[in-house]
């Protein structure tokens, strides 16, 4: 089901679901097919999974929900769809970040505009507590190392969708003191220094190969 989610194979996923496949199954790192579909921008699979009862707010071992994944990659349409299915914009990762704060840090303007009207963050002052968005410079979890680390696929980077949003440059990220931001994988040479070799697709196939070897 995770591979279907990555590659937008709704027809195959439908067959699997009819044969009692668990559409919310989690990997060792806690990623569900909905995490994968949201990460790779697969709108059809996101819609299919949600219509079939996938848990919209499942968190992985880093505290990421599918909404965090979509926001991290700049997929504003998927962000909107997840919100329609009551995804909570106020869930924080293990490092205390909301989907909004991640999108703000990575410069996804359309995602920020969508999330800022629904996200609540609390800023405590000496006199009162007010609702205000704070943009704390804390790196999101390193997704190229942890995202679906069960398998491997060398061609997975090509499956990532380029986004029409502004990205932080390498110099901007150095200014933030962070060289490992898990932003969208594109062929923009500004991003070359921010990514490792691992990807979701790489992780998925590793799991398959391990299962084959185990059976043998």
N, C-alpha and C. Protein backbone atom coordinates (compact mmCIF):
# COMPACT_ATOMS: atom_id res chain seq x y z
N UNK A 1 0.83 -1.20 0.00
CA UNK A 1 0.00 0.00 0.00
C UNK A 1 0.87 1.27 0.00
N UNK A 2 2.02 1.20 0.68
CA UNK A 2 2.91 2.36 0.69
C UNK A 2 3.44 2.67 -0.72
N UNK A 3 3.77 1.62 -1.48
CA UNK A 3 4.24 1.83 -2.85
C UNK A 3 3.14 2.41 -3.72
N UNK A 4 1.91 1.96 -3.52
CA UNK A 4 0.77 2.52 -4.25
C UNK A 4 0.64 4.01 -3.92
N UNK A 5 0.81 4.34 -2.67
CA UNK A 5 0.69 5.73 -2.24
C UNK A 5 1.78 6.59 -2.86
N UNK A 6 2.98 6.06 -2.90
CA UNK A 6 4.09 6.81 -3.47
C UNK A 6 3.89 7.08 -4.95
N UNK A 7 3.36 6.09 -5.67
CA UNK A 7 3.26 6.17 -7.13
C UNK A 7 1.87 6.48 -7.65
N UNK A 8 0.94 6.82 -6.75
CA UNK A 8 -0.43 7.20 -7.12
C UNK A 8 -1.17 6.08 -7.85
N UNK A 9 -0.97 4.83 -7.41
CA UNK A 9 -1.63 3.68 -8.05
C UNK A 9 -2.95 3.39 -7.33
N UNK A 10 -3.93 4.25 -7.57
CA UNK A 10 -5.21 4.11 -6.89
C UNK A 10 -5.90 2.82 -7.26
N UNK A 11 -5.79 2.42 -8.52
CA UNK A 11 -6.45 1.18 -8.96
C UNK A 11 -5.91 -0.03 -8.22
N UNK A 12 -4.60 -0.08 -8.03
CA UNK A 12 -4.00 -1.20 -7.30
C UNK A 12 -4.36 -1.12 -5.82
N UNK A 13 -4.32 0.08 -5.28
CA UNK A 13 -4.68 0.26 -3.87
C UNK A 13 -6.12 -0.16 -3.61
N UNK A 14 -6.99 0.10 -4.57
CA UNK A 14 -8.40 -0.29 -4.42
C UNK A 14 -8.54 -1.80 -4.35
N UNK A 15 -7.78 -2.51 -5.16
CA UNK A 15 -7.81 -3.97 -5.14
C UNK A 15 -7.29 -4.49 -3.80
N UNK A 16 -6.20 -3.89 -3.34
CA UNK A 16 -5.64 -4.30 -2.05
C UNK A 16 -6.63 -4.06 -0.92
N UNK A 17 -7.29 -2.90 -0.95
CA UNK A 17 -8.26 -2.58 0.10
C UNK A 17 -9.43 -3.55 0.09
N UNK A 18 -9.88 -3.94 -1.10
CA UNK A 18 -10.99 -4.88 -1.20
C UNK A 18 -10.61 -6.26 -0.67
N UNK A 19 -9.31 -6.51 -0.64
CA UNK A 19 -8.82 -7.79 -0.11
C UNK A 19 -8.25 -7.62 1.31
N UNK A 20 -8.81 -6.64 2.00
CA UNK A 20 -8.55 -6.45 3.43
C UNK A 20 -7.14 -5.96 3.77
N UNK A 21 -6.48 -5.30 2.82
CA UNK A 21 -5.19 -4.68 3.15
C UNK A 21 -5.44 -3.51 4.10
N UNK A 22 -4.54 -3.33 5.04
CA UNK A 22 -4.67 -2.25 6.01
C UNK A 22 -4.18 -0.94 5.40
N UNK A 23 -5.11 -0.01 5.17
CA UNK A 23 -4.71 1.24 4.52
C UNK A 23 -3.99 2.20 5.46
N UNK A 24 -3.96 1.87 6.73
CA UNK A 24 -3.26 2.72 7.69
C UNK A 24 -2.09 1.99 8.35
N UNK A 25 -1.57 0.98 7.68
CA UNK A 25 -0.43 0.24 8.24
C UNK A 25 0.77 1.16 8.39
N UNK A 26 1.58 0.90 9.40
CA UNK A 26 2.73 1.74 9.69
C UNK A 26 4.03 0.96 9.55
N UNK A 27 5.06 1.64 9.07
CA UNK A 27 6.39 1.05 9.00
C UNK A 27 7.04 1.11 10.38
N UNK A 28 8.27 0.61 10.47
CA UNK A 28 8.98 0.66 11.74
C UNK A 28 9.16 2.09 12.24
N UNK A 29 9.23 3.04 11.31
CA UNK A 29 9.38 4.45 11.68
C UNK A 29 8.04 5.13 11.91
N UNK A 30 6.95 4.38 11.69
CA UNK A 30 5.63 4.93 11.96
C UNK A 30 4.94 5.61 10.80
N UNK A 31 5.48 5.46 9.58
CA UNK A 31 4.88 6.11 8.42
C UNK A 31 3.74 5.27 7.84
N UNK A 32 2.65 5.93 7.52
CA UNK A 32 1.49 5.28 6.90
C UNK A 32 1.48 5.58 5.41
N UNK A 33 0.63 4.87 4.64
CA UNK A 33 0.49 5.23 3.23
C UNK A 33 0.09 6.70 3.04
N UNK A 34 -0.70 7.24 3.98
CA UNK A 34 -1.11 8.64 3.86
C UNK A 34 0.09 9.58 4.02
N UNK A 35 1.02 9.24 4.90
CA UNK A 35 2.26 10.01 5.00
C UNK A 35 2.96 10.03 3.64
N UNK A 36 3.05 8.84 3.02
CA UNK A 36 3.76 8.72 1.75
C UNK A 36 3.08 9.51 0.65
N UNK A 37 1.76 9.37 0.53
CA UNK A 37 1.02 10.08 -0.51
C UNK A 37 1.12 11.59 -0.32
N UNK A 38 1.04 12.04 0.93
CA UNK A 38 1.13 13.47 1.22
C UNK A 38 2.52 13.99 0.89
N UNK A 39 3.54 13.20 1.21
CA UNK A 39 4.92 13.61 0.96
C UNK A 39 5.20 13.75 -0.53
N UNK A 40 4.72 12.78 -1.33
CA UNK A 40 5.00 12.78 -2.76
C UNK A 40 3.98 13.56 -3.58
N UNK A 41 3.02 14.20 -2.94
CA UNK A 41 2.08 15.03 -3.66
C UNK A 41 1.07 14.27 -4.49
N UNK A 42 0.73 13.06 -4.06
CA UNK A 42 -0.19 12.21 -4.82
C UNK A 42 -1.63 12.46 -4.37
N UNK A 43 -2.25 13.46 -4.97
CA UNK A 43 -3.58 13.89 -4.57
C UNK A 43 -4.63 12.79 -4.68
N UNK A 44 -4.60 12.02 -5.76
CA UNK A 44 -5.60 10.96 -5.94
C UNK A 44 -5.51 9.91 -4.84
N UNK A 45 -4.28 9.54 -4.47
CA UNK A 45 -4.12 8.55 -3.41
C UNK A 45 -4.51 9.13 -2.06
N UNK A 46 -4.19 10.38 -1.83
CA UNK A 46 -4.60 11.02 -0.57
C UNK A 46 -6.11 10.99 -0.44
N UNK A 47 -6.79 11.35 -1.53
CA UNK A 47 -8.26 11.35 -1.50
C UNK A 47 -8.81 9.94 -1.29
N UNK A 48 -8.23 8.96 -1.98
CA UNK A 48 -8.67 7.57 -1.84
C UNK A 48 -8.51 7.08 -0.40
N UNK A 49 -7.35 7.34 0.17
CA UNK A 49 -7.08 6.87 1.53
C UNK A 49 -8.02 7.53 2.55
N UNK A 50 -8.24 8.82 2.39
CA UNK A 50 -9.12 9.52 3.31
C UNK A 50 -10.57 9.04 3.19
N UNK A 51 -11.02 8.83 1.96
CA UNK A 51 -12.38 8.35 1.75
C UNK A 51 -12.58 6.95 2.32
N UNK A 52 -11.49 6.20 2.42
CA UNK A 52 -11.58 4.83 2.93
C UNK A 52 -11.17 4.73 4.40
N UNK A 53 -11.20 5.86 5.08
CA UNK A 53 -11.05 5.82 6.53
C UNK A 53 -9.65 5.89 7.08
N UNK A 54 -8.67 6.31 6.29
CA UNK A 54 -7.31 6.43 6.82
C UNK A 54 -7.28 7.47 7.93
N UNK A 55 -6.50 7.19 8.95
CA UNK A 55 -6.36 8.13 10.07
C UNK A 55 -5.58 9.36 9.62
N UNK A 56 -6.23 10.51 9.66
CA UNK A 56 -5.62 11.72 9.11
C UNK A 56 -4.53 12.30 10.00
N UNK A 57 -4.52 11.93 11.28
CA UNK A 57 -3.56 12.53 12.21
C UNK A 57 -2.57 11.53 12.81
N UNK A 58 -2.35 10.40 12.15
CA UNK A 58 -1.35 9.45 12.65
C UNK A 58 0.02 10.11 12.68
N UNK A 59 0.74 9.91 13.77
CA UNK A 59 2.08 10.48 13.88
C UNK A 59 3.13 9.39 13.75
N UNK A 60 4.28 9.76 13.19
CA UNK A 60 5.38 8.81 13.10
C UNK A 60 6.30 8.99 14.30
N UNK A 61 7.45 8.34 14.26
CA UNK A 61 8.33 8.37 15.43
C UNK A 61 8.93 9.75 15.68
N UNK A 62 8.83 10.64 14.70
CA UNK A 62 9.33 11.99 14.87
C UNK A 62 8.22 12.98 15.20
N UNK A 63 7.00 12.48 15.32
CA UNK A 63 5.87 13.35 15.62
C UNK A 63 5.24 13.99 14.40
N UNK A 64 5.61 13.52 13.22
CA UNK A 64 5.07 14.07 11.98
C UNK A 64 3.72 13.43 11.64
N UNK A 65 2.75 14.26 11.25
CA UNK A 65 1.49 13.79 10.69
C UNK A 65 1.56 13.95 9.17
N UNK A 66 0.60 13.40 8.43
CA UNK A 66 0.57 13.66 6.99
C UNK A 66 0.53 15.15 6.65
N UNK A 67 -0.10 15.95 7.51
CA UNK A 67 -0.15 17.39 7.26
C UNK A 67 1.25 18.00 7.32
N UNK A 68 2.07 17.55 8.27
CA UNK A 68 3.46 18.02 8.32
C UNK A 68 4.18 17.66 7.02
N UNK A 69 3.95 16.43 6.53
CA UNK A 69 4.62 16.00 5.30
C UNK A 69 4.23 16.88 4.12
N UNK A 70 2.92 17.13 3.97
CA UNK A 70 2.44 17.95 2.85
C UNK A 70 2.97 19.38 2.96
N UNK A 71 2.97 19.92 4.16
CA UNK A 71 3.47 21.28 4.37
C UNK A 71 4.96 21.36 4.09
N UNK A 72 5.69 20.34 4.50
CA UNK A 72 7.13 20.31 4.29
C UNK A 72 7.50 20.31 2.82
N UNK A 73 6.65 19.69 1.99
CA UNK A 73 6.93 19.61 0.56
C UNK A 73 6.23 20.70 -0.25
N UNK A 74 5.43 21.53 0.40
CA UNK A 74 4.78 22.63 -0.31
C UNK A 74 3.56 22.25 -1.11
N UNK A 75 2.91 21.12 -0.75
CA UNK A 75 1.74 20.65 -1.50
C UNK A 75 0.48 21.29 -0.94
N UNK A 76 0.16 22.49 -1.40
CA UNK A 76 -0.93 23.26 -0.81
C UNK A 76 -2.29 22.61 -1.04
N UNK A 77 -2.50 21.97 -2.19
CA UNK A 77 -3.79 21.33 -2.44
C UNK A 77 -4.02 20.16 -1.48
N UNK A 78 -2.97 19.43 -1.20
CA UNK A 78 -3.09 18.32 -0.26
C UNK A 78 -3.28 18.85 1.16
N UNK A 79 -2.61 19.93 1.48
CA UNK A 79 -2.83 20.57 2.79
C UNK A 79 -4.31 20.91 2.95
N UNK A 80 -4.89 21.51 1.93
CA UNK A 80 -6.31 21.87 1.99
C UNK A 80 -7.21 20.65 2.13
N UNK A 81 -6.89 19.58 1.40
CA UNK A 81 -7.70 18.36 1.47
C UNK A 81 -7.62 17.73 2.86
N UNK A 82 -6.43 17.67 3.41
CA UNK A 82 -6.26 17.12 4.76
C UNK A 82 -7.04 17.94 5.79
N UNK A 83 -7.02 19.25 5.62
CA UNK A 83 -7.78 20.11 6.54
C UNK A 83 -9.28 19.88 6.40
N UNK A 84 -9.74 19.61 5.18
CA UNK A 84 -11.16 19.30 4.96
C UNK A 84 -11.56 18.05 5.73
N UNK A 85 -10.62 17.12 5.87
CA UNK A 85 -10.88 15.89 6.61
C UNK A 85 -10.47 16.02 8.08
N UNK A 86 -10.43 17.25 8.55
CA UNK A 86 -10.24 17.55 9.98
C UNK A 86 -8.84 17.23 10.50
N UNK A 87 -7.84 17.31 9.64
CA UNK A 87 -6.47 17.18 10.14
C UNK A 87 -6.19 18.34 11.09
N UNK A 88 -5.53 18.05 12.19
CA UNK A 88 -5.24 19.09 13.17
C UNK A 88 -3.98 19.87 12.78
N UNK A 89 -4.10 21.18 12.59
CA UNK A 89 -2.93 21.99 12.26
C UNK A 89 -2.07 22.32 13.48
N UNK A 90 -2.57 21.95 14.65
CA UNK A 90 -1.88 22.32 15.89
C UNK A 90 -1.00 21.22 16.46
N UNK A 91 -0.96 20.06 15.81
CA UNK A 91 -0.07 18.98 16.26
C UNK A 91 1.37 19.44 16.09
N UNK A 92 2.20 19.19 17.09
CA UNK A 92 3.61 19.57 17.00
C UNK A 92 4.49 18.34 16.90
N UNK A 93 5.60 18.48 16.19
CA UNK A 93 6.57 17.40 16.07
C UNK A 93 7.34 17.25 17.37
N UNK A 94 8.23 16.28 17.40
CA UNK A 94 9.06 16.09 18.59
C UNK A 94 9.94 17.31 18.87
N UNK A 95 10.16 18.12 17.85
CA UNK A 95 10.95 19.34 18.02
C UNK A 95 10.07 20.57 18.19
N UNK A 96 8.77 20.34 18.40
CA UNK A 96 7.88 21.43 18.74
C UNK A 96 7.37 22.26 17.58
N UNK A 97 7.39 21.70 16.37
CA UNK A 97 6.99 22.47 15.21
C UNK A 97 5.61 22.08 14.69
N UNK A 98 4.83 23.07 14.32
CA UNK A 98 3.56 22.82 13.64
C UNK A 98 3.83 22.74 12.14
N UNK A 99 2.82 22.31 11.40
CA UNK A 99 2.94 22.31 9.94
C UNK A 99 3.19 23.73 9.43
N UNK A 100 2.56 24.70 10.06
CA UNK A 100 2.75 26.10 9.67
C UNK A 100 4.18 26.56 9.86
N UNK A 101 4.77 26.25 11.00
CA UNK A 101 6.13 26.72 11.26
C UNK A 101 7.13 26.08 10.30
N UNK A 102 6.87 24.84 9.90
CA UNK A 102 7.74 24.18 8.92
C UNK A 102 7.61 24.88 7.57
N UNK A 103 6.38 25.12 7.12
CA UNK A 103 6.16 25.78 5.84
C UNK A 103 6.75 27.19 5.83
N UNK A 104 6.62 27.89 6.94
CA UNK A 104 7.19 29.24 7.04
C UNK A 104 8.70 29.20 6.93
N UNK A 105 9.31 28.26 7.61
CA UNK A 105 10.77 28.17 7.58
C UNK A 105 11.28 27.83 6.19
N UNK A 106 10.53 27.00 5.46
CA UNK A 106 10.98 26.58 4.14
C UNK A 106 10.51 27.51 3.03
N UNK A 107 9.71 28.51 3.37
CA UNK A 107 9.35 29.51 2.38
C UNK A 107 8.20 29.15 1.47
N UNK A 108 7.32 28.22 1.88
CA UNK A 108 6.17 27.86 1.05
C UNK A 108 5.03 28.83 1.32
N UNK A 109 4.99 29.90 0.56
CA UNK A 109 4.09 31.01 0.86
C UNK A 109 2.63 30.61 0.82
N UNK A 110 2.22 29.85 -0.21
CA UNK A 110 0.81 29.46 -0.33
C UNK A 110 0.38 28.57 0.83
N UNK A 111 1.27 27.69 1.26
CA UNK A 111 0.96 26.82 2.40
C UNK A 111 0.85 27.64 3.67
N UNK A 112 1.75 28.59 3.84
CA UNK A 112 1.70 29.46 5.02
C UNK A 112 0.38 30.22 5.07
N UNK A 113 -0.03 30.77 3.92
CA UNK A 113 -1.28 31.53 3.88
C UNK A 113 -2.47 30.65 4.23
N UNK A 114 -2.42 29.38 3.82
CA UNK A 114 -3.51 28.46 4.13
C UNK A 114 -3.55 28.10 5.61
N UNK A 115 -2.38 27.83 6.18
CA UNK A 115 -2.32 27.31 7.55
C UNK A 115 -2.39 28.38 8.63
N UNK A 116 -1.97 29.59 8.31
CA UNK A 116 -1.88 30.58 9.39
C UNK A 116 -3.24 30.98 9.94
N UNK A 117 -4.31 30.78 9.15
CA UNK A 117 -5.64 31.15 9.64
C UNK A 117 -6.28 30.06 10.50
N UNK A 118 -5.65 28.89 10.53
CA UNK A 118 -6.24 27.79 11.31
C UNK A 118 -5.32 27.28 12.41
N UNK A 119 -4.09 27.79 12.46
CA UNK A 119 -3.11 27.30 13.43
C UNK A 119 -3.10 28.18 14.66
N UNK A 120 -3.13 27.54 15.81
CA UNK A 120 -3.05 28.26 17.08
C UNK A 120 -1.70 27.98 17.72
N UNK A 121 -1.00 29.03 18.06
CA UNK A 121 0.24 28.86 18.84
C UNK A 121 0.18 29.83 20.00
N UNK A 122 0.75 29.41 21.09
CA UNK A 122 0.66 30.20 22.32
C UNK A 122 2.01 30.83 22.63
N UNK A 123 1.99 32.14 22.81
CA UNK A 123 3.18 32.87 23.23
C UNK A 123 2.92 33.42 24.62
N UNK A 124 3.73 33.03 25.58
CA UNK A 124 3.53 33.47 26.96
C UNK A 124 4.41 34.68 27.25
N UNK A 125 3.80 35.74 27.74
CA UNK A 125 4.54 36.94 28.14
C UNK A 125 4.48 37.08 29.65
N UNK A 126 5.11 38.09 30.19
CA UNK A 126 5.13 38.27 31.65
C UNK A 126 3.77 38.74 32.18
N UNK A 127 2.94 39.30 31.29
CA UNK A 127 1.67 39.84 31.76
C UNK A 127 0.46 39.07 31.28
N UNK A 128 0.56 38.43 30.13
CA UNK A 128 -0.62 37.77 29.58
C UNK A 128 -0.21 36.68 28.62
N UNK A 129 -1.16 35.88 28.22
CA UNK A 129 -0.94 34.84 27.21
C UNK A 129 -1.78 35.20 25.99
N UNK A 130 -1.13 35.33 24.85
CA UNK A 130 -1.84 35.73 23.64
C UNK A 130 -1.64 34.70 22.56
N UNK A 131 -2.54 34.74 21.56
CA UNK A 131 -2.40 33.86 20.40
C UNK A 131 -1.62 34.60 19.33
N UNK A 132 -0.49 34.03 18.96
CA UNK A 132 0.38 34.68 17.99
C UNK A 132 1.28 33.61 17.39
N UNK A 133 1.55 33.69 16.07
CA UNK A 133 2.42 32.70 15.45
C UNK A 133 3.88 33.06 15.71
N UNK A 134 4.66 32.12 16.14
CA UNK A 134 6.09 32.35 16.37
C UNK A 134 6.87 31.47 15.42
N UNK A 135 7.88 32.02 14.78
CA UNK A 135 8.67 31.28 13.82
C UNK A 135 10.01 30.95 14.45
N UNK A 136 10.03 29.85 15.14
CA UNK A 136 11.20 29.42 15.87
C UNK A 136 12.15 28.70 14.92
N UNK A 137 13.41 29.09 14.90
CA UNK A 137 14.37 28.49 13.99
C UNK A 137 14.86 27.18 14.58
N UNK A 138 14.11 26.13 14.30
CA UNK A 138 14.47 24.78 14.72
C UNK A 138 14.28 23.89 13.51
N UNK A 139 15.31 23.12 13.16
CA UNK A 139 15.21 22.28 11.96
C UNK A 139 14.19 21.18 12.14
N UNK A 140 13.37 20.90 11.10
CA UNK A 140 12.52 19.70 11.13
C UNK A 140 13.40 18.46 11.14
N UNK A 141 12.81 17.32 11.48
CA UNK A 141 13.56 16.07 11.48
C UNK A 141 14.14 15.81 10.09
N UNK A 142 15.28 15.14 10.05
CA UNK A 142 15.97 14.90 8.78
C UNK A 142 15.25 13.80 8.03
N UNK A 143 14.36 14.19 7.11
CA UNK A 143 13.47 13.22 6.49
C UNK A 143 14.18 12.31 5.50
N UNK A 144 15.27 12.78 4.89
CA UNK A 144 15.94 11.90 3.94
C UNK A 144 16.62 10.74 4.65
N UNK A 145 16.79 10.82 5.97
CA UNK A 145 17.37 9.72 6.72
C UNK A 145 16.30 8.84 7.35
N UNK A 146 15.19 9.46 7.77
CA UNK A 146 14.22 8.71 8.56
C UNK A 146 12.95 8.34 7.83
N UNK A 147 12.65 9.01 6.72
CA UNK A 147 11.36 8.79 6.07
C UNK A 147 11.31 7.41 5.43
N UNK A 148 10.52 6.54 6.01
CA UNK A 148 10.34 5.18 5.50
C UNK A 148 11.66 4.46 5.35
N UNK A 149 12.47 4.39 6.38
CA UNK A 149 13.83 3.87 6.26
C UNK A 149 13.89 2.36 6.16
N UNK A 150 12.78 1.73 5.76
CA UNK A 150 12.72 0.28 5.65
C UNK A 150 13.21 -0.23 4.29
N UNK A 151 13.33 0.63 3.27
CA UNK A 151 13.64 0.13 1.93
C UNK A 151 14.35 1.18 1.10
N UNK A 152 14.65 0.84 -0.19
CA UNK A 152 15.51 1.70 -0.98
C UNK A 152 15.15 1.65 -2.46
N UNK A 153 15.24 2.81 -3.16
CA UNK A 153 14.94 2.89 -4.58
C UNK A 153 15.70 4.06 -5.16
N UNK A 154 16.69 3.80 -6.01
CA UNK A 154 17.57 4.85 -6.48
C UNK A 154 16.85 5.87 -7.35
N UNK A 155 15.73 5.50 -7.94
CA UNK A 155 15.05 6.43 -8.83
C UNK A 155 14.00 7.26 -8.16
N UNK A 156 13.89 7.20 -6.87
CA UNK A 156 12.75 7.83 -6.20
C UNK A 156 12.78 9.34 -6.28
N UNK A 157 13.96 9.95 -6.33
CA UNK A 157 14.01 11.39 -6.33
C UNK A 157 13.28 11.98 -7.52
N UNK A 158 13.25 11.27 -8.66
CA UNK A 158 12.59 11.78 -9.84
C UNK A 158 11.08 11.81 -9.66
N UNK A 159 10.56 11.08 -8.68
CA UNK A 159 9.13 11.04 -8.45
C UNK A 159 8.64 12.25 -7.70
N UNK A 160 9.54 12.98 -7.07
CA UNK A 160 9.13 14.16 -6.32
C UNK A 160 8.71 15.26 -7.27
N UNK A 161 7.66 15.97 -6.89
CA UNK A 161 7.08 16.98 -7.76
C UNK A 161 7.70 18.33 -7.47
N UNK A 162 8.15 19.03 -8.53
CA UNK A 162 8.64 20.39 -8.36
C UNK A 162 7.49 21.28 -7.94
N UNK A 163 7.76 22.25 -7.09
CA UNK A 163 6.70 23.11 -6.58
C UNK A 163 6.95 24.56 -6.96
N UNK A 164 5.87 25.30 -7.29
CA UNK A 164 6.01 26.70 -7.71
C UNK A 164 6.10 27.64 -6.52
N UNK A 165 6.85 27.27 -5.49
CA UNK A 165 6.95 28.10 -4.31
C UNK A 165 8.41 28.50 -4.10
N UNK A 166 8.60 29.55 -3.33
CA UNK A 166 9.95 30.02 -3.07
C UNK A 166 10.65 29.10 -2.08
N UNK A 167 11.90 28.74 -2.40
CA UNK A 167 12.70 27.92 -1.50
C UNK A 167 13.80 28.78 -0.88
N UNK A 168 14.26 28.36 0.27
CA UNK A 168 15.40 29.03 0.88
C UNK A 168 16.66 28.66 0.12
N UNK A 169 17.54 29.60 -0.09
CA UNK A 169 18.81 29.32 -0.74
C UNK A 169 19.77 28.71 0.25
N UNK A 170 20.88 28.17 -0.27
CA UNK A 170 21.88 27.58 0.60
C UNK A 170 22.44 28.60 1.58
N UNK A 171 22.66 29.84 1.09
CA UNK A 171 23.18 30.89 1.96
C UNK A 171 22.21 31.23 3.08
N UNK A 172 20.90 31.24 2.73
CA UNK A 172 19.89 31.53 3.75
C UNK A 172 19.88 30.45 4.83
N UNK A 173 20.05 29.20 4.40
CA UNK A 173 20.03 28.11 5.37
C UNK A 173 21.27 28.14 6.25
N UNK A 174 22.41 28.53 5.68
CA UNK A 174 23.61 28.66 6.50
C UNK A 174 23.42 29.75 7.54
N UNK A 175 22.72 30.80 7.15
CA UNK A 175 22.43 31.88 8.09
C UNK A 175 21.60 31.37 9.26
N UNK A 176 20.71 30.41 8.96
CA UNK A 176 19.89 29.84 10.02
C UNK A 176 20.65 28.83 10.86
N UNK A 177 21.88 28.51 10.44
CA UNK A 177 22.69 27.57 11.21
C UNK A 177 22.24 26.14 11.05
N UNK A 178 21.71 25.79 9.85
CA UNK A 178 21.17 24.44 9.67
C UNK A 178 21.49 23.97 8.27
N UNK A 179 22.22 22.87 8.14
CA UNK A 179 22.61 22.34 6.84
C UNK A 179 21.84 21.11 6.44
N UNK A 180 20.80 20.74 7.17
CA UNK A 180 20.11 19.47 6.88
C UNK A 180 18.61 19.64 6.78
N UNK A 181 18.13 20.78 6.25
CA UNK A 181 16.70 20.97 6.12
C UNK A 181 16.12 19.98 5.13
N UNK A 182 15.05 19.27 5.50
CA UNK A 182 14.46 18.25 4.63
C UNK A 182 13.49 18.85 3.64
N UNK A 183 13.95 19.79 2.79
CA UNK A 183 13.04 20.42 1.87
C UNK A 183 12.89 19.61 0.60
N UNK A 184 11.99 20.04 -0.27
CA UNK A 184 11.61 19.26 -1.44
C UNK A 184 12.80 18.96 -2.33
N UNK A 185 12.88 17.74 -2.83
CA UNK A 185 13.97 17.33 -3.69
C UNK A 185 13.67 17.80 -5.10
N UNK A 186 14.46 18.76 -5.61
CA UNK A 186 14.33 19.20 -6.99
C UNK A 186 15.71 19.18 -7.60
N UNK A 187 15.76 19.55 -8.88
CA UNK A 187 17.04 19.57 -9.55
C UNK A 187 17.69 20.94 -9.43
N UNK A 188 17.12 21.84 -8.66
CA UNK A 188 17.68 23.15 -8.39
C UNK A 188 19.00 22.98 -7.67
N UNK A 189 20.09 23.47 -8.27
CA UNK A 189 21.41 23.24 -7.68
C UNK A 189 21.58 23.93 -6.35
N UNK A 190 20.67 24.89 -6.03
CA UNK A 190 20.75 25.51 -4.71
C UNK A 190 20.51 24.52 -3.61
N UNK A 191 19.85 23.41 -3.92
CA UNK A 191 19.46 22.45 -2.90
C UNK A 191 20.45 21.31 -2.71
N UNK A 192 21.48 21.26 -3.55
CA UNK A 192 22.33 20.08 -3.56
C UNK A 192 22.99 19.78 -2.23
N UNK A 193 23.28 20.81 -1.45
CA UNK A 193 23.99 20.61 -0.20
C UNK A 193 23.08 20.21 0.96
N UNK A 194 21.77 20.18 0.72
CA UNK A 194 20.85 19.96 1.84
C UNK A 194 20.30 18.56 1.93
N UNK A 195 20.68 17.68 1.00
CA UNK A 195 20.07 16.36 0.99
C UNK A 195 21.09 15.24 1.05
N UNK A 196 20.69 14.15 1.65
CA UNK A 196 21.44 12.92 1.63
C UNK A 196 20.97 12.07 0.47
N UNK A 197 21.40 10.82 0.39
CA UNK A 197 21.05 9.96 -0.72
C UNK A 197 19.77 9.19 -0.49
N UNK A 198 19.33 9.09 0.76
CA UNK A 198 18.15 8.29 1.05
C UNK A 198 16.89 9.02 0.63
N UNK A 199 15.85 8.26 0.30
CA UNK A 199 14.55 8.83 -0.05
C UNK A 199 13.49 7.83 0.30
N UNK A 200 12.25 8.26 0.19
CA UNK A 200 11.14 7.37 0.50
C UNK A 200 11.16 6.15 -0.40
N UNK A 201 11.34 6.36 -1.71
CA UNK A 201 11.34 5.23 -2.63
C UNK A 201 12.46 4.26 -2.34
N UNK A 202 13.64 4.80 -1.99
CA UNK A 202 14.78 3.95 -1.65
C UNK A 202 14.43 3.05 -0.47
N UNK A 203 13.75 3.65 0.48
CA UNK A 203 13.41 2.91 1.69
C UNK A 203 12.40 1.81 1.42
N UNK A 204 11.44 2.09 0.56
CA UNK A 204 10.38 1.12 0.30
C UNK A 204 10.93 -0.16 -0.34
N UNK A 205 11.80 -0.01 -1.33
CA UNK A 205 12.30 -1.20 -2.01
C UNK A 205 13.23 -2.02 -1.12
N UNK A 206 13.95 -1.35 -0.21
CA UNK A 206 14.81 -2.10 0.70
C UNK A 206 13.98 -3.09 1.53
N UNK A 207 12.80 -2.61 1.97
CA UNK A 207 11.93 -3.47 2.77
C UNK A 207 11.48 -4.68 1.96
N UNK A 208 11.14 -4.42 0.67
CA UNK A 208 10.71 -5.52 -0.20
C UNK A 208 11.82 -6.55 -0.35
N UNK A 209 13.06 -6.05 -0.63
CA UNK A 209 14.18 -6.97 -0.81
C UNK A 209 14.46 -7.77 0.45
N UNK A 210 14.35 -7.10 1.60
CA UNK A 210 14.58 -7.81 2.86
C UNK A 210 13.55 -8.90 3.08
N UNK A 211 12.31 -8.60 2.72
CA UNK A 211 11.24 -9.59 2.87
C UNK A 211 11.48 -10.80 1.97
N UNK A 212 11.95 -10.52 0.72
CA UNK A 212 12.23 -11.62 -0.21
C UNK A 212 13.34 -12.51 0.33
N UNK A 213 14.42 -11.87 0.81
CA UNK A 213 15.53 -12.64 1.35
C UNK A 213 15.11 -13.43 2.57
N UNK A 214 14.24 -12.84 3.39
CA UNK A 214 13.77 -13.52 4.60
C UNK A 214 12.99 -14.77 4.23
N UNK A 215 12.13 -14.64 3.21
CA UNK A 215 11.33 -15.80 2.78
C UNK A 215 12.22 -16.91 2.27
N UNK A 216 13.26 -16.53 1.51
CA UNK A 216 14.18 -17.54 0.98
C UNK A 216 14.96 -18.23 2.10
